[in-house]
N, C-alpha and C. Protein backbone atom coordinates (compact mmCIF):
# COMPACT_ATOMS: atom_id res chain seq x y z
N MET A 1 -101.75 -9.25 160.05
CA MET A 1 -100.29 -9.20 160.16
C MET A 1 -99.83 -7.83 160.68
N PHE A 2 -100.49 -6.78 160.15
CA PHE A 2 -100.15 -5.43 160.59
C PHE A 2 -100.44 -5.26 162.08
N ASN A 3 -101.58 -5.80 162.53
CA ASN A 3 -101.96 -5.70 163.95
C ASN A 3 -100.97 -6.44 164.84
N LYS A 4 -100.45 -7.56 164.38
CA LYS A 4 -99.46 -8.33 165.17
C LYS A 4 -98.19 -7.52 165.36
N LYS A 5 -97.79 -6.78 164.32
CA LYS A 5 -96.58 -5.96 164.42
C LYS A 5 -96.79 -4.81 165.40
N ILE A 6 -97.98 -4.21 165.36
CA ILE A 6 -98.29 -3.12 166.28
C ILE A 6 -98.30 -3.64 167.72
N ILE A 7 -98.94 -4.79 167.92
CA ILE A 7 -99.01 -5.38 169.27
C ILE A 7 -97.61 -5.72 169.76
N ALA A 8 -96.78 -6.29 168.88
CA ALA A 8 -95.41 -6.65 169.27
C ALA A 8 -94.61 -5.39 169.62
N ALA A 9 -94.79 -4.31 168.84
CA ALA A 9 -94.07 -3.06 169.12
C ALA A 9 -94.53 -2.46 170.44
N VAL A 10 -95.85 -2.46 170.69
CA VAL A 10 -96.38 -1.92 171.95
C VAL A 10 -95.86 -2.71 173.14
N LEU A 11 -95.82 -4.05 173.01
CA LEU A 11 -95.30 -4.89 174.09
C LEU A 11 -93.82 -4.62 174.34
N ALA A 12 -93.05 -4.44 173.26
CA ALA A 12 -91.62 -4.17 173.41
C ALA A 12 -91.39 -2.84 174.11
N VAL A 13 -92.12 -1.79 173.68
CA VAL A 13 -91.97 -0.47 174.31
C VAL A 13 -92.43 -0.53 175.76
N SER A 14 -93.55 -1.22 176.02
CA SER A 14 -94.03 -1.36 177.39
C SER A 14 -93.00 -2.06 178.27
N GLY A 15 -92.37 -3.09 177.72
CA GLY A 15 -91.33 -3.80 178.47
C GLY A 15 -90.16 -2.90 178.82
N MET A 16 -89.79 -1.99 177.88
CA MET A 16 -88.70 -1.05 178.15
C MET A 16 -89.07 -0.12 179.29
N PHE A 17 -90.31 0.41 179.26
CA PHE A 17 -90.74 1.32 180.32
C PHE A 17 -90.87 0.61 181.67
N ILE A 18 -91.34 -0.62 181.66
CA ILE A 18 -91.43 -1.38 182.91
C ILE A 18 -90.04 -1.61 183.48
N ASN A 19 -89.08 -1.95 182.61
CA ASN A 19 -87.71 -2.18 183.06
C ASN A 19 -87.10 -0.88 183.60
N MET A 20 -87.36 0.25 182.91
CA MET A 20 -86.85 1.52 183.40
C MET A 20 -87.47 1.87 184.75
N ALA A 21 -88.76 1.63 184.89
CA ALA A 21 -89.43 1.94 186.16
C ALA A 21 -88.90 1.07 187.28
N ALA A 22 -88.57 -0.18 186.96
CA ALA A 22 -88.04 -1.08 188.00
C ALA A 22 -86.67 -0.63 188.47
N ASN A 23 -85.86 -0.03 187.56
CA ASN A 23 -84.52 0.41 187.92
C ASN A 23 -84.48 1.86 188.40
N ALA A 24 -85.55 2.60 188.12
CA ALA A 24 -85.56 4.02 188.49
C ALA A 24 -85.63 4.16 190.00
N GLN A 25 -84.92 5.18 190.49
CA GLN A 25 -84.89 5.38 191.94
C GLN A 25 -84.51 6.83 192.23
N ALA A 26 -85.29 7.47 193.08
CA ALA A 26 -84.97 8.82 193.51
C ALA A 26 -84.18 8.76 194.81
N TYR A 27 -83.35 9.77 195.05
CA TYR A 27 -82.56 9.81 196.28
C TYR A 27 -82.31 11.25 196.70
N VAL A 28 -82.03 11.42 197.99
CA VAL A 28 -81.64 12.71 198.54
C VAL A 28 -80.40 12.49 199.39
N GLY A 29 -79.67 13.56 199.65
CA GLY A 29 -78.46 13.41 200.46
C GLY A 29 -77.89 14.74 200.88
N ALA A 30 -76.84 14.67 201.66
CA ALA A 30 -76.12 15.86 202.12
C ALA A 30 -74.66 15.49 202.35
N THR A 31 -73.78 16.42 202.06
CA THR A 31 -72.36 16.20 202.26
C THR A 31 -71.72 17.43 202.90
N VAL A 32 -70.58 17.23 203.51
CA VAL A 32 -69.81 18.33 204.08
C VAL A 32 -68.34 18.05 203.77
N GLY A 33 -67.56 19.10 203.62
CA GLY A 33 -66.16 18.89 203.29
C GLY A 33 -65.38 20.18 203.29
N GLN A 34 -64.45 20.29 202.36
CA GLN A 34 -63.60 21.47 202.29
C GLN A 34 -63.43 21.91 200.84
N ALA A 35 -63.63 23.20 200.62
CA ALA A 35 -63.43 23.80 199.31
C ALA A 35 -62.06 24.47 199.27
N ARG A 36 -61.32 24.18 198.22
CA ARG A 36 -59.99 24.80 198.03
C ARG A 36 -60.06 25.72 196.82
N TRP A 37 -59.80 26.98 197.06
CA TRP A 37 -59.88 27.99 196.01
C TRP A 37 -58.50 28.19 195.38
N ASN A 38 -58.47 28.33 194.06
CA ASN A 38 -57.23 28.63 193.36
C ASN A 38 -57.07 30.16 193.36
N ALA A 39 -56.54 30.69 194.47
CA ALA A 39 -56.44 32.14 194.65
C ALA A 39 -54.98 32.56 194.75
N ASP A 40 -54.69 33.74 194.23
CA ASP A 40 -53.34 34.30 194.26
C ASP A 40 -53.16 35.09 195.56
N CYS A 41 -52.20 34.66 196.39
CA CYS A 41 -51.96 35.31 197.68
C CYS A 41 -50.74 36.23 197.66
N ASN A 42 -50.20 36.52 196.50
CA ASN A 42 -49.03 37.39 196.42
C ASN A 42 -49.35 38.78 196.97
N GLY A 43 -48.46 39.29 197.80
CA GLY A 43 -48.62 40.63 198.36
C GLY A 43 -49.47 40.69 199.61
N THR A 44 -49.98 39.56 200.08
CA THR A 44 -50.80 39.55 201.29
C THR A 44 -49.95 39.23 202.51
N THR A 45 -50.42 39.65 203.67
CA THR A 45 -49.74 39.30 204.91
C THR A 45 -50.35 38.06 205.54
N ASN A 46 -51.58 37.76 205.18
CA ASN A 46 -52.25 36.56 205.67
C ASN A 46 -53.29 36.18 204.63
N CYS A 47 -53.34 34.90 204.27
CA CYS A 47 -54.23 34.50 203.19
C CYS A 47 -54.81 33.12 203.49
N LYS A 48 -56.12 33.00 203.46
CA LYS A 48 -56.80 31.73 203.68
C LYS A 48 -57.52 31.35 202.39
N THR A 49 -57.17 30.21 201.80
CA THR A 49 -57.72 29.83 200.51
C THR A 49 -58.58 28.57 200.57
N ASN A 50 -58.99 28.14 201.78
CA ASN A 50 -59.90 27.00 201.88
C ASN A 50 -60.86 27.24 203.04
N ASP A 51 -62.01 26.57 202.96
CA ASP A 51 -63.01 26.74 204.00
C ASP A 51 -63.96 25.55 203.95
N THR A 52 -64.78 25.43 204.98
CA THR A 52 -65.77 24.35 205.05
C THR A 52 -66.84 24.57 203.98
N SER A 53 -67.22 23.48 203.33
CA SER A 53 -68.25 23.53 202.30
C SER A 53 -69.34 22.53 202.64
N PHE A 54 -70.51 22.69 202.00
CA PHE A 54 -71.56 21.68 202.15
C PHE A 54 -72.44 21.65 200.91
N ASN A 55 -73.07 20.50 200.68
CA ASN A 55 -74.00 20.28 199.57
C ASN A 55 -75.27 19.66 200.11
N ILE A 56 -76.41 20.08 199.58
CA ILE A 56 -77.68 19.40 199.79
C ILE A 56 -78.14 18.97 198.40
N LEU A 57 -78.38 17.69 198.21
CA LEU A 57 -78.57 17.17 196.87
C LEU A 57 -79.79 16.28 196.74
N GLY A 58 -80.23 16.12 195.51
CA GLY A 58 -81.30 15.20 195.17
C GLY A 58 -81.07 14.69 193.77
N GLY A 59 -81.43 13.45 193.53
CA GLY A 59 -81.18 12.88 192.22
C GLY A 59 -82.20 11.84 191.83
N TYR A 60 -82.10 11.40 190.60
CA TYR A 60 -83.00 10.39 190.07
C TYR A 60 -82.21 9.50 189.11
N ASN A 61 -82.20 8.21 189.40
CA ASN A 61 -81.55 7.24 188.53
C ASN A 61 -82.56 6.69 187.54
N PHE A 62 -82.32 6.91 186.25
CA PHE A 62 -83.22 6.39 185.23
C PHE A 62 -83.08 4.89 185.07
N ASN A 63 -81.86 4.39 185.25
CA ASN A 63 -81.60 2.95 185.21
C ASN A 63 -80.36 2.69 186.05
N ALA A 64 -79.75 1.54 185.91
CA ALA A 64 -78.62 1.17 186.75
C ALA A 64 -77.40 2.05 186.52
N ASN A 65 -77.30 2.70 185.35
CA ASN A 65 -76.10 3.47 185.02
C ASN A 65 -76.31 4.97 184.90
N TRP A 66 -77.46 5.40 184.42
CA TRP A 66 -77.63 6.82 184.10
C TRP A 66 -78.63 7.50 185.01
N GLY A 67 -78.33 8.75 185.34
CA GLY A 67 -79.23 9.51 186.18
C GLY A 67 -78.97 11.00 186.06
N ILE A 68 -79.65 11.75 186.90
CA ILE A 68 -79.50 13.21 186.94
C ILE A 68 -79.46 13.62 188.41
N GLU A 69 -78.70 14.67 188.70
CA GLU A 69 -78.55 15.11 190.09
C GLU A 69 -78.51 16.63 190.15
N ALA A 70 -79.19 17.19 191.13
CA ALA A 70 -79.17 18.64 191.38
C ALA A 70 -78.72 18.88 192.81
N SER A 71 -78.07 20.00 193.05
CA SER A 71 -77.65 20.30 194.42
C SER A 71 -77.58 21.80 194.66
N TYR A 72 -77.75 22.16 195.92
CA TYR A 72 -77.45 23.50 196.40
C TYR A 72 -76.13 23.39 197.15
N TYR A 73 -75.20 24.30 196.91
CA TYR A 73 -73.89 24.20 197.54
C TYR A 73 -73.43 25.54 198.09
N SER A 74 -72.62 25.44 199.13
CA SER A 74 -71.89 26.58 199.67
C SER A 74 -70.42 26.20 199.67
N LEU A 75 -69.59 27.05 199.08
CA LEU A 75 -68.17 26.76 198.97
C LEU A 75 -67.33 27.54 199.97
N GLY A 76 -67.97 28.03 201.01
CA GLY A 76 -67.25 28.68 202.08
C GLY A 76 -66.79 30.09 201.72
N LYS A 77 -65.84 30.58 202.51
CA LYS A 77 -65.36 31.96 202.38
C LYS A 77 -63.84 31.97 202.51
N ILE A 78 -63.20 32.75 201.65
CA ILE A 78 -61.75 32.91 201.76
C ILE A 78 -61.46 34.37 202.10
N LYS A 79 -60.28 34.59 202.73
CA LYS A 79 -59.91 35.93 203.19
C LYS A 79 -58.45 36.20 202.88
N ALA A 80 -58.14 37.47 202.69
CA ALA A 80 -56.76 37.91 202.53
C ALA A 80 -56.60 39.25 203.22
N ASN A 81 -55.45 39.44 203.89
CA ASN A 81 -55.16 40.68 204.61
C ASN A 81 -53.98 41.40 203.97
N PHE A 82 -54.10 42.72 203.93
CA PHE A 82 -53.01 43.59 203.46
C PHE A 82 -52.81 44.64 204.55
N THR A 83 -51.58 44.80 205.03
CA THR A 83 -51.32 45.77 206.11
C THR A 83 -50.57 46.98 205.58
N ASN A 84 -50.75 48.09 206.30
CA ASN A 84 -50.08 49.35 205.99
C ASN A 84 -50.32 49.79 204.54
N VAL A 85 -51.57 49.71 204.12
CA VAL A 85 -51.94 50.14 202.78
C VAL A 85 -52.44 51.58 202.84
N VAL A 86 -51.97 52.40 201.90
CA VAL A 86 -52.41 53.80 201.84
C VAL A 86 -53.71 53.85 201.03
N THR A 87 -54.80 54.24 201.70
CA THR A 87 -56.11 54.33 201.05
C THR A 87 -56.76 55.64 201.45
N TYR A 88 -57.20 56.38 200.47
CA TYR A 88 -57.83 57.68 200.72
C TYR A 88 -56.96 58.57 201.62
N GLY A 89 -55.65 58.49 201.43
CA GLY A 89 -54.73 59.33 202.19
C GLY A 89 -54.41 58.81 203.57
N ASN A 90 -54.98 57.67 203.96
CA ASN A 90 -54.74 57.10 205.29
C ASN A 90 -54.02 55.77 205.15
N VAL A 91 -53.24 55.45 206.17
CA VAL A 91 -52.58 54.15 206.22
C VAL A 91 -53.43 53.22 207.07
N GLY A 92 -53.77 52.08 206.54
CA GLY A 92 -54.61 51.16 207.29
C GLY A 92 -54.46 49.73 206.83
N ASN A 93 -55.26 48.88 207.42
CA ASN A 93 -55.25 47.46 207.07
C ASN A 93 -56.48 47.15 206.23
N ILE A 94 -56.27 46.44 205.14
CA ILE A 94 -57.37 46.06 204.25
C ILE A 94 -57.54 44.55 204.31
N THR A 95 -58.77 44.13 204.43
CA THR A 95 -59.13 42.71 204.39
C THR A 95 -60.12 42.50 203.25
N GLY A 96 -59.86 41.50 202.45
CA GLY A 96 -60.76 41.13 201.37
C GLY A 96 -61.36 39.76 201.63
N GLU A 97 -62.66 39.61 201.40
CA GLU A 97 -63.35 38.32 201.58
C GLU A 97 -64.11 37.98 200.30
N MET A 98 -64.13 36.70 199.97
CA MET A 98 -64.93 36.21 198.86
C MET A 98 -65.64 34.94 199.30
N LYS A 99 -66.91 34.79 198.89
CA LYS A 99 -67.63 33.56 199.16
C LYS A 99 -68.45 33.20 197.93
N ALA A 100 -68.84 31.92 197.85
CA ALA A 100 -69.57 31.45 196.68
C ALA A 100 -70.62 30.43 197.10
N THR A 101 -71.83 30.61 196.59
CA THR A 101 -72.92 29.67 196.78
C THR A 101 -73.62 29.48 195.44
N GLY A 102 -74.41 28.42 195.32
CA GLY A 102 -75.12 28.24 194.06
C GLY A 102 -75.86 26.93 193.95
N ILE A 103 -76.32 26.66 192.75
CA ILE A 103 -77.00 25.41 192.44
C ILE A 103 -76.36 24.81 191.20
N ASP A 104 -76.42 23.50 191.09
CA ASP A 104 -75.94 22.86 189.87
C ASP A 104 -76.89 21.75 189.43
N LEU A 105 -76.79 21.38 188.19
CA LEU A 105 -77.57 20.30 187.59
C LEU A 105 -76.63 19.51 186.70
N ALA A 106 -76.55 18.20 186.95
CA ALA A 106 -75.57 17.39 186.23
C ALA A 106 -76.14 16.04 185.83
N GLY A 107 -75.67 15.55 184.71
CA GLY A 107 -75.92 14.17 184.34
C GLY A 107 -74.95 13.28 185.10
N VAL A 108 -75.38 12.09 185.48
CA VAL A 108 -74.56 11.20 186.30
C VAL A 108 -74.46 9.84 185.63
N TYR A 109 -73.23 9.32 185.53
CA TYR A 109 -73.02 7.94 185.09
C TYR A 109 -72.51 7.14 186.28
N ARG A 110 -73.14 6.00 186.56
CA ARG A 110 -72.77 5.16 187.70
C ARG A 110 -72.37 3.77 187.25
N THR A 111 -71.50 3.16 188.05
CA THR A 111 -71.18 1.76 187.86
C THR A 111 -70.99 1.12 189.23
N GLN A 112 -71.44 -0.11 189.38
CA GLN A 112 -71.30 -0.84 190.64
C GLN A 112 -70.20 -1.88 190.51
N PHE A 113 -69.29 -1.92 191.49
CA PHE A 113 -68.24 -2.94 191.52
C PHE A 113 -68.75 -4.23 192.14
N ASN A 114 -69.61 -4.08 193.15
CA ASN A 114 -70.24 -5.22 193.81
C ASN A 114 -71.49 -4.69 194.53
N ASN A 115 -72.04 -5.45 195.45
CA ASN A 115 -73.26 -5.00 196.13
C ASN A 115 -73.07 -3.75 196.97
N ASN A 116 -71.83 -3.50 197.41
CA ASN A 116 -71.57 -2.36 198.29
C ASN A 116 -70.92 -1.17 197.58
N TRP A 117 -69.84 -1.41 196.85
CA TRP A 117 -69.03 -0.34 196.29
C TRP A 117 -69.51 0.07 194.91
N GLY A 118 -69.58 1.38 194.70
CA GLY A 118 -69.92 1.93 193.39
C GLY A 118 -69.10 3.18 193.11
N MET A 119 -69.15 3.61 191.88
CA MET A 119 -68.40 4.79 191.46
C MET A 119 -69.31 5.62 190.55
N PHE A 120 -69.16 6.95 190.57
CA PHE A 120 -69.96 7.79 189.70
C PHE A 120 -69.16 8.97 189.17
N ALA A 121 -69.57 9.46 188.02
CA ALA A 121 -68.99 10.65 187.42
C ALA A 121 -70.12 11.61 187.07
N LYS A 122 -69.88 12.91 187.27
CA LYS A 122 -70.90 13.92 187.00
C LYS A 122 -70.36 14.98 186.04
N LEU A 123 -71.23 15.47 185.17
CA LEU A 123 -70.88 16.58 184.29
C LEU A 123 -72.14 17.41 184.10
N GLY A 124 -72.02 18.72 184.33
CA GLY A 124 -73.21 19.56 184.19
C GLY A 124 -72.87 21.02 184.23
N ILE A 125 -73.87 21.82 184.65
CA ILE A 125 -73.68 23.26 184.72
C ILE A 125 -73.94 23.72 186.16
N ALA A 126 -73.22 24.76 186.55
CA ALA A 126 -73.35 25.32 187.89
C ALA A 126 -73.66 26.80 187.77
N ARG A 127 -74.65 27.24 188.50
CA ARG A 127 -75.00 28.66 188.58
C ARG A 127 -74.52 29.15 189.94
N THR A 128 -73.46 29.96 189.93
CA THR A 128 -72.79 30.36 191.15
C THR A 128 -72.94 31.86 191.39
N LYS A 129 -73.18 32.22 192.65
CA LYS A 129 -73.19 33.62 193.06
C LYS A 129 -71.91 33.88 193.82
N GLY A 130 -71.04 34.69 193.25
CA GLY A 130 -69.80 35.07 193.89
C GLY A 130 -69.95 36.43 194.56
N GLU A 131 -69.63 36.51 195.84
CA GLU A 131 -69.77 37.76 196.59
C GLU A 131 -68.42 38.17 197.17
N GLY A 132 -68.08 39.43 197.01
CA GLY A 132 -66.83 39.94 197.53
C GLY A 132 -67.05 41.17 198.39
N THR A 133 -66.26 41.30 199.45
CA THR A 133 -66.34 42.46 200.34
C THR A 133 -64.93 42.90 200.69
N ILE A 134 -64.72 44.21 200.71
CA ILE A 134 -63.44 44.78 201.13
C ILE A 134 -63.67 45.61 202.39
N PHE A 135 -62.82 45.37 203.40
CA PHE A 135 -62.91 46.09 204.67
C PHE A 135 -61.65 46.93 204.85
N LEU A 136 -61.81 48.16 205.31
CA LEU A 136 -60.70 49.02 205.70
C LEU A 136 -60.78 49.21 207.20
N ASN A 137 -59.77 48.72 207.91
CA ASN A 137 -59.76 48.78 209.38
C ASN A 137 -61.07 48.24 209.96
N ASN A 138 -61.48 47.08 209.46
CA ASN A 138 -62.68 46.35 209.91
C ASN A 138 -64.00 47.03 209.58
N THR A 139 -63.98 48.05 208.72
CA THR A 139 -65.21 48.69 208.27
C THR A 139 -65.41 48.41 206.79
N GLY A 140 -66.55 47.85 206.42
CA GLY A 140 -66.81 47.52 205.03
C GLY A 140 -66.88 48.77 204.17
N ILE A 141 -66.07 48.82 203.11
CA ILE A 141 -66.08 49.99 202.23
C ILE A 141 -66.55 49.64 200.81
N LEU A 142 -66.58 48.37 200.46
CA LEU A 142 -67.00 47.98 199.11
C LEU A 142 -67.53 46.55 199.15
N ALA A 143 -68.70 46.33 198.58
CA ALA A 143 -69.27 45.00 198.50
C ALA A 143 -69.92 44.84 197.13
N ASP A 144 -69.74 43.68 196.54
CA ASP A 144 -70.30 43.44 195.21
C ASP A 144 -70.57 41.95 195.05
N SER A 145 -71.43 41.61 194.10
CA SER A 145 -71.71 40.21 193.80
C SER A 145 -71.92 40.03 192.31
N LYS A 146 -71.70 38.81 191.85
CA LYS A 146 -71.85 38.51 190.43
C LYS A 146 -72.33 37.07 190.28
N ASN A 147 -73.32 36.87 189.41
CA ASN A 147 -73.80 35.53 189.10
C ASN A 147 -73.15 35.06 187.81
N SER A 148 -72.79 33.78 187.77
CA SER A 148 -72.18 33.21 186.56
C SER A 148 -72.61 31.77 186.38
N THR A 149 -72.60 31.32 185.15
CA THR A 149 -72.93 29.94 184.81
C THR A 149 -71.72 29.31 184.14
N ASN A 150 -71.23 28.22 184.71
CA ASN A 150 -70.04 27.56 184.20
C ASN A 150 -70.21 26.04 184.27
N VAL A 151 -69.31 25.35 183.63
CA VAL A 151 -69.32 23.89 183.64
C VAL A 151 -68.82 23.39 184.99
N MET A 152 -69.42 22.30 185.48
CA MET A 152 -68.91 21.63 186.67
C MET A 152 -68.71 20.15 186.34
N ALA A 153 -67.75 19.54 187.03
CA ALA A 153 -67.48 18.12 186.84
C ALA A 153 -67.12 17.50 188.18
N GLY A 154 -67.47 16.24 188.36
CA GLY A 154 -67.19 15.58 189.63
C GLY A 154 -66.96 14.09 189.46
N LEU A 155 -66.32 13.50 190.45
CA LEU A 155 -66.03 12.08 190.48
C LEU A 155 -66.15 11.61 191.92
N GLY A 156 -66.79 10.46 192.14
CA GLY A 156 -66.98 10.01 193.52
C GLY A 156 -67.19 8.52 193.64
N VAL A 157 -67.26 8.07 194.88
CA VAL A 157 -67.52 6.66 195.19
C VAL A 157 -68.64 6.59 196.22
N THR A 158 -69.34 5.46 196.22
CA THR A 158 -70.38 5.22 197.21
C THR A 158 -70.14 3.86 197.86
N TYR A 159 -70.58 3.74 199.09
CA TYR A 159 -70.58 2.46 199.79
C TYR A 159 -71.98 2.28 200.39
N ALA A 160 -72.70 1.27 199.90
CA ALA A 160 -74.08 1.03 200.33
C ALA A 160 -74.12 0.08 201.51
N PHE A 161 -74.71 0.53 202.61
CA PHE A 161 -74.94 -0.34 203.76
C PHE A 161 -76.20 -1.18 203.55
N THR A 162 -77.17 -0.58 202.88
CA THR A 162 -78.41 -1.28 202.51
C THR A 162 -78.73 -0.84 201.09
N PRO A 163 -79.70 -1.46 200.42
CA PRO A 163 -80.05 -1.00 199.07
C PRO A 163 -80.50 0.46 199.02
N ASN A 164 -80.96 1.01 200.14
CA ASN A 164 -81.48 2.37 200.14
C ASN A 164 -80.67 3.38 200.92
N PHE A 165 -79.54 2.99 201.51
CA PHE A 165 -78.74 3.92 202.30
C PHE A 165 -77.25 3.72 202.00
N ALA A 166 -76.58 4.82 201.69
CA ALA A 166 -75.15 4.74 201.33
C ALA A 166 -74.41 5.97 201.82
N VAL A 167 -73.11 5.82 202.01
CA VAL A 167 -72.24 6.96 202.21
C VAL A 167 -71.59 7.27 200.86
N ARG A 168 -71.23 8.53 200.68
CA ARG A 168 -70.60 8.93 199.41
C ARG A 168 -69.47 9.89 199.70
N ALA A 169 -68.43 9.79 198.88
CA ALA A 169 -67.30 10.72 198.94
C ALA A 169 -67.03 11.17 197.51
N GLU A 170 -66.77 12.46 197.34
CA GLU A 170 -66.57 12.95 195.98
C GLU A 170 -65.68 14.17 195.94
N ILE A 171 -65.19 14.43 194.75
CA ILE A 171 -64.44 15.64 194.47
C ILE A 171 -65.07 16.27 193.23
N ASP A 172 -65.34 17.56 193.29
CA ASP A 172 -65.88 18.23 192.12
C ASP A 172 -65.19 19.58 191.94
N SER A 173 -65.32 20.11 190.76
CA SER A 173 -64.64 21.35 190.42
C SER A 173 -65.58 22.24 189.62
N ARG A 174 -65.53 23.53 189.92
CA ARG A 174 -66.33 24.51 189.18
C ARG A 174 -65.60 25.85 189.23
N LYS A 175 -66.01 26.75 188.38
CA LYS A 175 -65.43 28.09 188.33
C LYS A 175 -66.43 29.07 188.90
N ALA A 176 -65.96 30.04 189.66
CA ALA A 176 -66.80 31.11 190.18
C ALA A 176 -66.26 32.44 189.67
N ASP A 177 -67.16 33.27 189.18
CA ASP A 177 -66.77 34.59 188.68
C ASP A 177 -67.16 35.66 189.70
N PHE A 178 -66.26 36.63 189.85
CA PHE A 178 -66.51 37.80 190.69
C PHE A 178 -66.37 39.03 189.81
N THR A 179 -66.68 40.19 190.34
CA THR A 179 -66.68 41.39 189.51
C THR A 179 -65.32 41.67 188.90
N TYR A 180 -64.25 41.49 189.68
CA TYR A 180 -62.92 41.83 189.20
C TYR A 180 -62.00 40.63 189.00
N THR A 181 -62.49 39.44 189.26
CA THR A 181 -61.64 38.26 189.12
C THR A 181 -62.51 37.02 188.97
N SER A 182 -61.88 35.89 188.78
CA SER A 182 -62.56 34.60 188.75
C SER A 182 -61.58 33.55 189.25
N GLY A 183 -62.10 32.41 189.64
CA GLY A 183 -61.22 31.37 190.14
C GLY A 183 -61.86 30.00 190.10
N ASN A 184 -61.03 28.99 189.98
CA ASN A 184 -61.50 27.61 190.04
C ASN A 184 -61.53 27.15 191.49
N ILE A 185 -62.58 26.43 191.84
CA ILE A 185 -62.75 25.94 193.21
C ILE A 185 -62.92 24.44 193.17
N THR A 186 -62.09 23.73 193.91
CA THR A 186 -62.18 22.28 194.00
C THR A 186 -62.78 21.93 195.35
N ASN A 187 -63.79 21.07 195.34
CA ASN A 187 -64.54 20.76 196.55
C ASN A 187 -64.40 19.27 196.88
N PHE A 188 -63.86 18.97 198.05
CA PHE A 188 -63.76 17.60 198.55
C PHE A 188 -64.83 17.42 199.63
N ASN A 189 -65.70 16.42 199.49
CA ASN A 189 -66.75 16.27 200.51
C ASN A 189 -67.16 14.82 200.70
N ILE A 190 -67.78 14.56 201.84
CA ILE A 190 -68.26 13.24 202.19
C ILE A 190 -69.60 13.38 202.90
N GLY A 191 -70.49 12.41 202.69
CA GLY A 191 -71.80 12.51 203.29
C GLY A 191 -72.61 11.24 203.10
N VAL A 192 -73.92 11.38 203.12
CA VAL A 192 -74.82 10.24 203.02
C VAL A 192 -75.88 10.51 201.97
N GLN A 193 -76.46 9.43 201.46
CA GLN A 193 -77.61 9.54 200.58
C GLN A 193 -78.58 8.43 200.86
N ALA A 194 -79.88 8.73 200.74
CA ALA A 194 -80.94 7.78 201.01
C ALA A 194 -81.87 7.72 199.81
N ALA A 195 -82.15 6.53 199.34
CA ALA A 195 -83.03 6.33 198.20
C ALA A 195 -84.42 5.99 198.66
N PHE A 196 -85.40 6.29 197.82
CA PHE A 196 -86.78 5.95 198.16
C PHE A 196 -87.57 5.66 196.89
């Protein structure tokens, strides 16, 4: 009787692993879009708070609903200009630039509406390198960088042309820290993913 229970338990666990393996699927992808930085432009003569962004990603679906995804991202560069600023006794133009790149790792929940349309939500951590540079009359006078780890979250949709190829569109948000400031960055992007 004891052996029957062990055999039944082994078969049940084996069935779970076989089912997980049947639903498991790895994928890779890339997206491009626009990052919008929550930056204060007060006192500037010209201020750019968005730029082209891109993601290179890879993921693994444990089953039809749950998975994990990692990506390398670039959130572009923003700039601000200040004119007629007195610096070191001279009057000149100052330009400030900030850019952010990094990696993230997130848990993913997916749901399919039909054979083509699906939706996903992501929640995880992002390790971001924020770099800032200040130029006086087009000459760099100060440059610094700071690494930070913050929460990231995203929401997106997919449209599958085949079981292994889909387009995806998503919006995600993360915080980037710099030496003297920090800011939230919202990233809108669209791209493709291929499963294997």
